[in-house]
């Protein structure tokens, strides 16, 4: 058995594994929110690489396709949300350019 402690756990192994997946998805997906808020407030995306965002968006789309094939709603939902957040950041990168605006 890979996880012998799960046998003794009060929570069924499948549920525990799903809870870990949901927690991981929530944390990694929500990690985009501080950057979105900062970019909106400062109107600057100068320090954010468009290559990073493009590669990450491609990866999340592929993960979403993988989740569809596997029928895994956690993978699909997390990566659909991450892709949407990344598209918002890409839009901000284009809209704000490299100029930074001062906050009044």
Foldseek 3Di string as FASTA:
>chain_A
DVDVVCVVDPDHPVVVVVVVLLVVLVVVLCVLVVVLVVCVQFLAPQPPDPVVLVVVLVVLVVQLVVCVVVVNPSSNVSSVSSNVSSVSSNVSCVVSPHDTDDHD
